[in-house]
């Protein structure tokens, strides 16, 4: 069975989801960060969770331009 996932278009709902992720769970900060990275990059949660530090940062610590 395939699940249909739709984007959150209502800014009030988006704010509520962000607040819930940040404040209502033991791993709130992690969940909030995963959500924010997914929102900014349009990656799925499973793709965000597979990211490694080397995927984002250059060896000198600077952020990659085209990760």
PDB file of N, CA and C in Angstrom:
ATOM      1  N   UNK A   1       0.842  -1.180   0.000  1.00  0.00           N
ATOM      2  CA  UNK A   1       0.000   0.000   0.000  1.00  0.00           C
ATOM      3  C   UNK A   1       0.889   1.246   0.000  1.00  0.00           C
ATOM      4  N   UNK A   2       0.660   2.125  -0.936  1.00  0.00           N
ATOM      5  CA  UNK A   2       1.445   3.353  -1.039  1.00  0.00           C
ATOM      6  C   UNK A   2       0.715   4.478  -0.319  1.00  0.00           C
ATOM      7  N   UNK A   3       1.458   5.231   0.472  1.00  0.00           N
ATOM      8  CA  UNK A   3       0.882   6.327   1.236  1.00  0.00           C
ATOM      9  C   UNK A   3       1.091   7.630   0.484  1.00  0.00           C
ATOM     10  N   UNK A   4       0.034   8.419   0.388  1.00  0.00           N
ATOM     11  CA  UNK A   4       0.118   9.718  -0.265  1.00  0.00           C
ATOM     12  C   UNK A   4       0.496  10.757   0.780  1.00  0.00           C
ATOM     13  N   UNK A   5       1.557  11.514   0.502  1.00  0.00           N
ATOM     14  CA  UNK A   5       2.012  12.560   1.412  1.00  0.00           C
ATOM     15  C   UNK A   5       1.899  13.893   0.689  1.00  0.00           C
ATOM     16  N   UNK A   6       1.180  14.817   1.278  1.00  0.00           N
ATOM     17  CA  UNK A   6       0.973  16.128   0.677  1.00  0.00           C
ATOM     18  C   UNK A   6       1.770  17.183   1.431  1.00  0.00           C
ATOM     19  N   UNK A   7       2.194  18.237   0.750  1.00  0.00           N
ATOM     20  CA  UNK A   7       2.940  19.304   1.429  1.00  0.00           C
ATOM     21  C   UNK A   7       2.045  20.095   2.376  1.00  0.00           C
ATOM     22  N   UNK A   8       2.660  20.660   3.395  1.00  0.00           N
ATOM     23  CA  UNK A   8       1.943  21.548   4.316  1.00  0.00           C
ATOM     24  C   UNK A   8       1.926  22.929   3.680  1.00  0.00           C
ATOM     25  N   UNK A   9       0.737  23.433   3.390  1.00  0.00           N
ATOM     26  CA  UNK A   9       0.620  24.729   2.717  1.00  0.00           C
ATOM     27  C   UNK A   9       0.154  25.844   3.649  1.00  0.00           C
ATOM     28  N   UNK A  10      -0.460  25.484   4.748  1.00  0.00           N
ATOM     29  CA  UNK A  10      -0.984  26.464   5.700  1.00  0.00           C
ATOM     30  C   UNK A  10       0.125  26.842   6.685  1.00  0.00           C
ATOM     31  N   UNK A  11       0.490  28.114   6.734  1.00  0.00           N
ATOM     32  CA  UNK A  11       1.594  28.549   7.600  1.00  0.00           C
ATOM     33  C   UNK A  11       1.297  28.317   9.076  1.00  0.00           C
ATOM     34  N   UNK A  12       0.029  28.360   9.472  1.00  0.00           N
ATOM     35  CA  UNK A  12      -0.325  28.092  10.870  1.00  0.00           C
ATOM     36  C   UNK A  12      -0.084  26.625  11.218  1.00  0.00           C
ATOM     37  N   UNK A  13      -0.432  25.737  10.305  1.00  0.00           N
ATOM     38  CA  UNK A  13      -0.194  24.309  10.519  1.00  0.00           C
ATOM     39  C   UNK A  13       1.307  24.038  10.553  1.00  0.00           C
ATOM     40  N   UNK A  14       2.054  24.672   9.665  1.00  0.00           N
ATOM     41  CA  UNK A  14       3.508  24.516   9.632  1.00  0.00           C
ATOM     42  C   UNK A  14       4.126  24.941  10.960  1.00  0.00           C
ATOM     43  N   UNK A  15       3.711  26.064  11.483  1.00  0.00           N
ATOM     44  CA  UNK A  15       4.210  26.565  12.770  1.00  0.00           C
ATOM     45  C   UNK A  15       3.859  25.591  13.894  1.00  0.00           C
ATOM     46  N   UNK A  16       2.648  25.054  13.852  1.00  0.00           N
ATOM     47  CA  UNK A  16       2.212  24.110  14.881  1.00  0.00           C
ATOM     48  C   UNK A  16       3.053  22.826  14.835  1.00  0.00           C
ATOM     49  N   UNK A  17       3.333  22.333  13.641  1.00  0.00           N
ATOM     50  CA  UNK A  17       4.175  21.141  13.495  1.00  0.00           C
ATOM     51  C   UNK A  17       5.572  21.418  14.044  1.00  0.00           C
ATOM     52  N   UNK A  18       6.143  22.556  13.692  1.00  0.00           N
ATOM     53  CA  UNK A  18       7.483  22.905  14.170  1.00  0.00           C
ATOM     54  C   UNK A  18       7.508  23.011  15.692  1.00  0.00           C
ATOM     55  N   UNK A  19       6.532  23.674  16.272  1.00  0.00           N
ATOM     56  CA  UNK A  19       6.472  23.814  17.728  1.00  0.00           C
ATOM     57  C   UNK A  19       6.308  22.457  18.403  1.00  0.00           C
ATOM     58  N   UNK A  20       5.463  21.603  17.833  1.00  0.00           N
ATOM     59  CA  UNK A  20       5.242  20.274  18.396  1.00  0.00           C
ATOM     60  C   UNK A  20       6.518  19.449  18.352  1.00  0.00           C
ATOM     61  N   UNK A  21       7.206  19.476  17.215  1.00  0.00           N
ATOM     62  CA  UNK A  21       8.455  18.720  17.093  1.00  0.00           C
ATOM     63  C   UNK A  21       9.500  19.204  18.084  1.00  0.00           C
ATOM     64  N   UNK A  22       9.588  20.488  18.263  1.00  0.00           N
ATOM     65  CA  UNK A  22      10.623  21.064  19.118  1.00  0.00           C
ATOM     66  C   UNK A  22      10.337  20.863  20.599  1.00  0.00           C
ATOM     67  N   UNK A  23       9.083  20.918  20.989  1.00  0.00           N
ATOM     68  CA  UNK A  23       8.756  20.987  22.414  1.00  0.00           C
ATOM     69  C   UNK A  23       8.108  19.754  23.026  1.00  0.00           C
ATOM     70  N   UNK A  24       7.561  18.844  22.240  1.00  0.00           N
ATOM     71  CA  UNK A  24       6.744  17.789  22.826  1.00  0.00           C
ATOM     72  C   UNK A  24       7.353  16.395  22.802  1.00  0.00           C
ATOM     73  N   UNK A  25       8.589  16.264  22.422  1.00  0.00           N
ATOM     74  CA  UNK A  25       9.195  14.942  22.354  1.00  0.00           C
ATOM     75  C   UNK A  25      10.576  14.968  22.995  1.00  0.00           C
ATOM     76  N   UNK A  26      10.999  13.806  23.482  1.00  0.00           N
ATOM     77  CA  UNK A  26      12.322  13.699  24.096  1.00  0.00           C
ATOM     78  C   UNK A  26      13.418  14.096  23.106  1.00  0.00           C
ATOM     79  N   UNK A  27      13.254  13.706  21.852  1.00  0.00           N
ATOM     80  CA  UNK A  27      14.242  14.023  20.811  1.00  0.00           C
ATOM     81  C   UNK A  27      13.775  15.210  19.980  1.00  0.00           C
ATOM     82  N   UNK A  28      13.151  16.172  20.615  1.00  0.00           N
ATOM     83  CA  UNK A  28      12.541  17.297  19.916  1.00  0.00           C
ATOM     84  C   UNK A  28      13.489  18.105  19.061  1.00  0.00           C
ATOM     85  N   UNK A  29      14.643  18.440  19.599  1.00  0.00           N
ATOM     86  CA  UNK A  29      15.593  19.261  18.840  1.00  0.00           C
ATOM     87  C   UNK A  29      16.076  18.516  17.598  1.00  0.00           C
ATOM     88  N   UNK A  30      16.355  17.216  17.744  1.00  0.00           N
ATOM     89  CA  UNK A  30      16.770  16.411  16.590  1.00  0.00           C
ATOM     90  C   UNK A  30      15.657  16.350  15.543  1.00  0.00           C
ATOM     91  N   UNK A  31      14.434  16.045  15.976  1.00  0.00           N
ATOM     92  CA  UNK A  31      13.307  15.943  15.050  1.00  0.00           C
ATOM     93  C   UNK A  31      13.045  17.272  14.351  1.00  0.00           C
ATOM     94  N   UNK A  32      13.131  18.348  15.102  1.00  0.00           N
ATOM     95  CA  UNK A  32      12.937  19.687  14.538  1.00  0.00           C
ATOM     96  C   UNK A  32      14.006  19.978  13.485  1.00  0.00           C
ATOM     97  N   UNK A  33      15.250  19.620  13.788  1.00  0.00           N
ATOM     98  CA  UNK A  33      16.352  19.861  12.857  1.00  0.00           C
ATOM     99  C   UNK A  33      16.179  19.040  11.582  1.00  0.00           C
ATOM    100  N   UNK A  34      15.797  17.778  11.716  1.00  0.00           N
ATOM    101  CA  UNK A  34      15.555  16.935  10.541  1.00  0.00           C
ATOM    102  C   UNK A  34      14.443  17.540   9.689  1.00  0.00           C
ATOM    103  N   UNK A  35      13.390  18.011  10.341  1.00  0.00           N
ATOM    104  CA  UNK A  35      12.271  18.634   9.627  1.00  0.00           C
ATOM    105  C   UNK A  35      12.733  19.884   8.886  1.00  0.00           C
ATOM    106  N   UNK A  36      13.516  20.723   9.556  1.00  0.00           N
ATOM    107  CA  UNK A  36      13.989  21.969   8.943  1.00  0.00           C
ATOM    108  C   UNK A  36      14.925  21.690   7.760  1.00  0.00           C
ATOM    109  N   UNK A  37      15.825  20.724   7.909  1.00  0.00           N
ATOM    110  CA  UNK A  37      16.732  20.375   6.808  1.00  0.00           C
ATOM    111  C   UNK A  37      15.934  19.828   5.629  1.00  0.00           C
ATOM    112  N   UNK A  38      14.960  18.983   5.908  1.00  0.00           N
ATOM    113  CA  UNK A  38      14.114  18.452   4.845  1.00  0.00           C
ATOM    114  C   UNK A  38      13.336  19.540   4.146  1.00  0.00           C
ATOM    115  N   UNK A  39      12.849  20.487   4.919  1.00  0.00           N
ATOM    116  CA  UNK A  39      12.089  21.607   4.350  1.00  0.00           C
ATOM    117  C   UNK A  39      12.986  22.480   3.473  1.00  0.00           C
ATOM    118  N   UNK A  40      14.194  22.716   3.911  1.00  0.00           N
ATOM    119  CA  UNK A  40      15.111  23.591   3.173  1.00  0.00           C
ATOM    120  C   UNK A  40      15.682  22.928   1.922  1.00  0.00           C
ATOM    121  N   UNK A  41      15.865  21.606   1.976  1.00  0.00           N
ATOM    122  CA  UNK A  41      16.506  20.904   0.862  1.00  0.00           C
ATOM    123  C   UNK A  41      15.530  20.124  -0.003  1.00  0.00           C
ATOM    124  N   UNK A  42      14.295  19.997   0.456  1.00  0.00           N
ATOM    125  CA  UNK A  42      13.259  19.198  -0.212  1.00  0.00           C
ATOM    126  C   UNK A  42      13.605  17.712  -0.259  1.00  0.00           C
ATOM    127  N   UNK A  43      14.450  17.278   0.685  1.00  0.00           N
ATOM    128  CA  UNK A  43      14.773  15.860   0.797  1.00  0.00           C
ATOM    129  C   UNK A  43      13.744  15.160   1.674  1.00  0.00           C
ATOM    130  N   UNK A  44      13.546  13.872   1.428  1.00  0.00           N
ATOM    131  CA  UNK A  44      12.685  13.064   2.291  1.00  0.00           C
ATOM    132  C   UNK A  44      13.412  12.822   3.614  1.00  0.00           C
ATOM    133  N   UNK A  45      12.653  12.517   4.654  1.00  0.00           N
ATOM    134  CA  UNK A  45      13.249  12.260   5.971  1.00  0.00           C
ATOM    135  C   UNK A  45      14.279  11.137   5.869  1.00  0.00           C
ATOM    136  N   UNK A  46      13.958  10.089   5.135  1.00  0.00           N
ATOM    137  CA  UNK A  46      14.905   8.970   5.003  1.00  0.00           C
ATOM    138  C   UNK A  46      16.213   9.430   4.359  1.00  0.00           C
ATOM    139  N   UNK A  47      16.136  10.367   3.425  1.00  0.00           N
ATOM    140  CA  UNK A  47      17.350  10.897   2.791  1.00  0.00           C
ATOM    141  C   UNK A  47      18.127  11.799   3.744  1.00  0.00           C
ATOM    142  N   UNK A  48      17.428  12.604   4.515  1.00  0.00           N
ATOM    143  CA  UNK A  48      18.088  13.478   5.497  1.00  0.00           C
ATOM    144  C   UNK A  48      18.815  12.629   6.536  1.00  0.00           C
ATOM    145  N   UNK A  49      18.186  11.553   6.978  1.00  0.00           N
ATOM    146  CA  UNK A  49      18.784  10.710   8.012  1.00  0.00           C
ATOM    147  C   UNK A  49      20.043   9.993   7.521  1.00  0.00           C
ATOM    148  N   UNK A  50      20.191   9.821   6.223  1.00  0.00           N
ATOM    149  CA  UNK A  50      21.379   9.166   5.664  1.00  0.00           C
ATOM    150  C   UNK A  50      22.537  10.128   5.433  1.00  0.00           C
ATOM    151  N   UNK A  51      22.305  11.415   5.567  1.00  0.00           N
ATOM    152  CA  UNK A  51      23.369  12.392   5.335  1.00  0.00           C
ATOM    153  C   UNK A  51      24.512  12.186   6.323  1.00  0.00           C
ATOM    154  N   UNK A  52      25.709  12.340   5.832  1.00  0.00           N
ATOM    155  CA  UNK A  52      26.910  12.273   6.660  1.00  0.00           C
ATOM    156  C   UNK A  52      27.543  13.653   6.693  1.00  0.00           C
ATOM    157  N   UNK A  53      28.372  13.890   7.684  1.00  0.00           N
ATOM    158  CA  UNK A  53      29.042  15.181   7.818  1.00  0.00           C
ATOM    159  C   UNK A  53      29.815  15.520   6.542  1.00  0.00           C
ATOM    160  N   UNK A  54      30.442  14.517   5.937  1.00  0.00           N
ATOM    161  CA  UNK A  54      31.228  14.736   4.715  1.00  0.00           C
ATOM    162  C   UNK A  54      30.352  15.133   3.527  1.00  0.00           C
ATOM    163  N   UNK A  55      29.049  14.851   3.601  1.00  0.00           N
ATOM    164  CA  UNK A  55      28.136  15.259   2.528  1.00  0.00           C
ATOM    165  C   UNK A  55      27.878  16.762   2.564  1.00  0.00           C
ATOM    166  N   UNK A  56      28.105  17.378   3.702  1.00  0.00           N
ATOM    167  CA  UNK A  56      27.747  18.784   3.902  1.00  0.00           C
ATOM    168  C   UNK A  56      28.971  19.683   4.030  1.00  0.00           C
ATOM    169  N   UNK A  57      30.019  19.183   4.704  1.00  0.00           N
ATOM    170  CA  UNK A  57      31.188  20.009   4.990  1.00  0.00           C
ATOM    171  C   UNK A  57      32.401  19.576   4.179  1.00  0.00           C
ATOM    172  N   UNK A  58      33.209  20.552   3.775  1.00  0.00           N
ATOM    173  CA  UNK A  58      34.512  20.304   3.161  1.00  0.00           C
ATOM    174  C   UNK A  58      35.494  19.902   4.255  1.00  0.00           C
ATOM    175  N   UNK A  59      36.633  19.303   3.890  1.00  0.00           N
ATOM    176  CA  UNK A  59      37.627  18.909   4.901  1.00  0.00           C
ATOM    177  C   UNK A  59      38.097  20.066   5.791  1.00  0.00           C
ATOM    178  N   UNK A  60      38.075  21.304   5.268  1.00  0.00           N
ATOM    179  CA  UNK A  60      38.507  22.452   6.075  1.00  0.00           C
ATOM    180  C   UNK A  60      37.399  22.986   6.987  1.00  0.00           C
ATOM    181  N   UNK A  61      36.227  22.343   6.966  1.00  0.00           N
ATOM    182  CA  UNK A  61      35.130  22.755   7.834  1.00  0.00           C
ATOM    183  C   UNK A  61      34.142  23.706   7.194  1.00  0.00           C
ATOM    184  N   UNK A  62      34.450  24.196   6.007  1.00  0.00           N
ATOM    185  CA  UNK A  62      33.507  25.088   5.322  1.00  0.00           C
ATOM    186  C   UNK A  62      32.360  24.268   4.732  1.00  0.00           C
ATOM    187  N   UNK A  63      31.246  24.924   4.512  1.00  0.00           N
ATOM    188  CA  UNK A  63      30.065  24.253   3.972  1.00  0.00           C
ATOM    189  C   UNK A  63      30.200  24.128   2.459  1.00  0.00           C
ATOM    190  N   UNK A  64      29.905  22.944   1.949  1.00  0.00           N
ATOM    191  CA  UNK A  64      29.977  22.715   0.508  1.00  0.00           C
ATOM    192  C   UNK A  64      28.944  23.574  -0.210  1.00  0.00           C
ATOM    193  N   UNK A  65      29.307  24.081  -1.351  1.00  0.00           N
ATOM    194  CA  UNK A  65      28.390  24.901  -2.145  1.00  0.00           C
ATOM    195  C   UNK A  65      27.338  24.044  -2.835  1.00  0.00           C
ATOM    196  N   UNK A  66      27.747  22.926  -3.383  1.00  0.00           N
ATOM    197  CA  UNK A  66      26.837  22.019  -4.086  1.00  0.00           C
ATOM    198  C   UNK A  66      26.963  20.633  -3.485  1.00  0.00           C
ATOM    199  N   UNK A  67      26.253  20.436  -2.412  1.00  0.00           N
ATOM    200  CA  UNK A  67      26.338  19.146  -1.723  1.00  0.00           C
ATOM    201  C   UNK A  67      25.496  18.116  -2.431  1.00  0.00           C
TER     202      UNK A  67
END
